[in-house]
Amino acid sequence: RAGRSRTASLAGQVSKIPPNSLGGGDGWKRLWFVLEGGQLHYYKHVKPHKPSAARPGEMSERVINLLICSVHPRAREKGKRFCFEVVSPYNSYALQAESEADRTEW
């Protein structure tokens, strides 16, 4: 579940599908996301019970600069709800929150 911490505006688990998996199969993976200072960081190997371990630069897989992105609700994926998309000039990221409230917060 998403939540606020002292070091991040928002942190929690969100599912992400790799761009090459769109439209086929169930390639969704739960990753740890941190929203901080206009950037969205996501991590592969952060223990959910230790969100303080998720700091920019530590085990970061990717940093998305949200200042150049738009965010849109996403049509329902196969069997998935609460999806949204982060679109940058370079990539598109399909994400799934755990609830409608979490999707709105992200």
C-alpha atoms as a PDB file:
ATOM      1  CA  ARG A   1       0.000   0.000   0.000  1.00  0.00           C
ATOM      2  CA  ALA A   2       1.216   3.490  -0.789  1.00  0.00           C
ATOM      3  CA  GLY A   3       2.128   5.725   2.091  1.00  0.00           C
ATOM      4  CA  ARG A   4       4.011   8.832   3.053  1.00  0.00           C
ATOM      5  CA  SER A   5       7.395   8.858   4.756  1.00  0.00           C
ATOM      6  CA  ARG A   6       9.801  11.543   5.928  1.00  0.00           C
ATOM      7  CA  THR A   7      12.175  11.078   2.996  1.00  0.00           C
ATOM      8  CA  ALA A   8       9.661  10.692   0.175  1.00  0.00           C
ATOM      9  CA  SER A   9       6.453  12.324  -0.937  1.00  0.00           C
ATOM     10  CA  LEU A  10       5.044   8.864  -1.640  1.00  0.00           C
ATOM     11  CA  ALA A  11       6.446   5.331  -1.448  1.00  0.00           C
ATOM     12  CA  GLY A  12       4.929   1.920  -2.014  1.00  0.00           C
ATOM     13  CA  GLN A  13       4.561  -1.117  -4.215  1.00  0.00           C
ATOM     14  CA  VAL A  14       3.196  -0.660  -7.719  1.00  0.00           C
ATOM     15  CA  SER A  15       3.044  -3.206 -10.521  1.00  0.00           C
ATOM     16  CA  LYS A  16       4.808  -2.401 -13.795  1.00  0.00           C
ATOM     17  CA  ILE A  17       4.811  -4.140 -17.137  1.00  0.00           C
ATOM     18  CA  PRO A  18       7.852  -3.945 -19.408  1.00  0.00           C
ATOM     19  CA  PRO A  19       7.134  -2.049 -22.665  1.00  0.00           C
ATOM     20  CA  ASN A  20       7.904  -5.146 -24.767  1.00  0.00           C
ATOM     21  CA  SER A  21       5.242  -7.144 -22.857  1.00  0.00           C
ATOM     22  CA  LEU A  22       2.341  -4.806 -23.626  1.00  0.00           C
ATOM     23  CA  GLY A  23      -0.557  -6.596 -25.199  1.00  0.00           C
ATOM     24  CA  GLY A  24       0.623 -10.116 -24.467  1.00  0.00           C
ATOM     25  CA  GLY A  25       1.113 -12.373 -21.479  1.00  0.00           C
ATOM     26  CA  ASP A  26       1.314 -11.463 -17.837  1.00  0.00           C
ATOM     27  CA  GLY A  27       4.660  -9.713 -17.568  1.00  0.00           C
ATOM     28  CA  TRP A  28       3.574  -7.532 -14.628  1.00  0.00           C
ATOM     29  CA  LYS A  29       6.102  -7.208 -11.778  1.00  0.00           C
ATOM     30  CA  ARG A  30       5.645  -5.642  -8.350  1.00  0.00           C
ATOM     31  CA  LEU A  31       8.343  -3.066  -7.720  1.00  0.00           C
ATOM     32  CA  TRP A  32       9.038  -0.528  -4.992  1.00  0.00           C
ATOM     33  CA  PHE A  33       8.372   3.051  -6.179  1.00  0.00           C
ATOM     34  CA  VAL A  34       9.377   6.311  -4.520  1.00  0.00           C
ATOM     35  CA  LEU A  35       7.976   9.667  -5.658  1.00  0.00           C
ATOM     36  CA  GLU A  36      10.269  12.481  -4.583  1.00  0.00           C
ATOM     37  CA  GLY A  37      11.145  15.933  -5.876  1.00  0.00           C
ATOM     38  CA  GLY A  38       9.483  15.586  -9.269  1.00  0.00           C
ATOM     39  CA  GLN A  39      11.116  12.214  -9.901  1.00  0.00           C
ATOM     40  CA  LEU A  40       9.711   8.699  -9.785  1.00  0.00           C
ATOM     41  CA  HIS A  41      12.296   6.112  -8.719  1.00  0.00           C
ATOM     42  CA  TYR A  42      11.675   2.393  -8.957  1.00  0.00           C
ATOM     43  CA  TYR A  43      13.639  -0.455  -7.489  1.00  0.00           C
ATOM     44  CA  LYS A  44      13.876  -4.219  -8.005  1.00  0.00           C
ATOM     45  CA  HIS A  45      15.257  -5.420  -4.693  1.00  0.00           C
ATOM     46  CA  VAL A  46      13.952  -3.310  -1.828  1.00  0.00           C
ATOM     47  CA  LYS A  47      12.409  -5.029   1.152  1.00  0.00           C
ATOM     48  CA  PRO A  48       8.888  -3.554   1.572  1.00  0.00           C
ATOM     49  CA  HIS A  49       9.243  -3.497   5.373  1.00  0.00           C
ATOM     50  CA  LYS A  50      12.312  -1.238   5.059  1.00  0.00           C
ATOM     51  CA  PRO A  51      11.213   1.688   2.877  1.00  0.00           C
ATOM     52  CA  SER A  52      14.039   3.828   4.269  1.00  0.00           C
ATOM     53  CA  ALA A  53      16.408   1.586   2.267  1.00  0.00           C
ATOM     54  CA  ALA A  54      14.877   2.988  -0.922  1.00  0.00           C
ATOM     55  CA  ARG A  55      16.842   6.174  -1.391  1.00  0.00           C
ATOM     56  CA  PRO A  56      17.695   7.681  -4.761  1.00  0.00           C
ATOM     57  CA  GLY A  57      20.988   6.235  -5.956  1.00  0.00           C
ATOM     58  CA  GLU A  58      20.728   3.056  -3.854  1.00  0.00           C
ATOM     59  CA  MET A  59      19.637   0.028  -5.882  1.00  0.00           C
ATOM     60  CA  SER A  60      17.770   2.283  -8.299  1.00  0.00           C
ATOM     61  CA  GLU A  61      16.747   0.576 -11.486  1.00  0.00           C
ATOM     62  CA  ARG A  62      15.308   3.670 -13.157  1.00  0.00           C
ATOM     63  CA  VAL A  63      14.524   7.306 -12.438  1.00  0.00           C
ATOM     64  CA  ILE A  64      11.703   8.947 -14.375  1.00  0.00           C
ATOM     65  CA  ASN A  65      11.738  12.750 -14.542  1.00  0.00           C
ATOM     66  CA  LEU A  66       8.058  13.597 -14.095  1.00  0.00           C
ATOM     67  CA  LEU A  67       8.581  17.222 -15.088  1.00  0.00           C
ATOM     68  CA  ILE A  68       8.621  16.127 -18.734  1.00  0.00           C
ATOM     69  CA  CYS A  69       5.876  13.476 -18.398  1.00  0.00           C
ATOM     70  CA  SER A  70       2.128  13.271 -18.521  1.00  0.00           C
ATOM     71  CA  VAL A  71       0.061  10.785 -16.521  1.00  0.00           C
ATOM     72  CA  HIS A  72      -3.156   9.224 -17.822  1.00  0.00           C
ATOM     73  CA  PRO A  73      -5.632   6.649 -16.550  1.00  0.00           C
ATOM     74  CA  ARG A  74      -5.166   3.503 -18.613  1.00  0.00           C
ATOM     75  CA  ALA A  75      -7.900   1.355 -20.095  1.00  0.00           C
ATOM     76  CA  ARG A  76      -8.367  -1.864 -18.196  1.00  0.00           C
ATOM     77  CA  GLU A  77      -5.686  -4.413 -18.973  1.00  0.00           C
ATOM     78  CA  LYS A  78      -6.503  -8.126 -19.152  1.00  0.00           C
ATOM     79  CA  GLY A  79      -7.781  -8.847 -15.639  1.00  0.00           C
ATOM     80  CA  LYS A  80      -6.093  -5.735 -14.209  1.00  0.00           C
ATOM     81  CA  ARG A  81      -7.709  -2.702 -12.589  1.00  0.00           C
ATOM     82  CA  PHE A  82      -6.403   0.625 -11.283  1.00  0.00           C
ATOM     83  CA  CYS A  83      -3.943   1.038 -14.174  1.00  0.00           C
ATOM     84  CA  PHE A  84      -2.322   4.283 -15.253  1.00  0.00           C
ATOM     85  CA  GLU A  85       0.365   5.315 -17.682  1.00  0.00           C
ATOM     86  CA  VAL A  86       3.321   7.666 -17.323  1.00  0.00           C
ATOM     87  CA  VAL A  87       4.298   9.001 -20.750  1.00  0.00           C
ATOM     88  CA  SER A  88       7.616  10.751 -21.370  1.00  0.00           C
ATOM     89  CA  PRO A  89       9.041  11.937 -24.691  1.00  0.00           C
ATOM     90  CA  TYR A  90      11.221   8.790 -24.625  1.00  0.00           C
ATOM     91  CA  ASN A  91       9.174   5.985 -23.016  1.00  0.00           C
ATOM     92  CA  SER A  92       5.770   4.948 -21.817  1.00  0.00           C
ATOM     93  CA  TYR A  93       5.348   3.189 -18.460  1.00  0.00           C
ATOM     94  CA  ALA A  94       2.226   1.103 -17.756  1.00  0.00           C
ATOM     95  CA  LEU A  95       1.599   0.856 -14.015  1.00  0.00           C
ATOM     96  CA  GLN A  96      -1.023  -0.674 -11.738  1.00  0.00           C
ATOM     97  CA  ALA A  97      -1.851   0.568  -8.244  1.00  0.00           C
ATOM     98  CA  GLU A  98      -3.382  -1.622  -5.540  1.00  0.00           C
ATOM     99  CA  SER A  99      -6.626   0.402  -5.338  1.00  0.00           C
ATOM    100  CA  GLU A 100      -8.428   3.320  -6.961  1.00  0.00           C
ATOM    101  CA  ALA A 101      -7.385   5.550  -4.050  1.00  0.00           C
ATOM    102  CA  ASP A 102      -3.730   4.577  -4.564  1.00  0.00           C
ATOM    103  CA  ARG A 103      -3.980   5.215  -8.302  1.00  0.00           C
ATOM    104  CA  THR A 104      -5.325   8.701  -7.628  1.00  0.00           C
ATOM    105  CA  GLU A 105      -2.580   9.370  -5.069  1.00  0.00           C
ATOM    106  CA  TRP A 106       0.208   8.246  -7.396  1.00  0.00           C
END
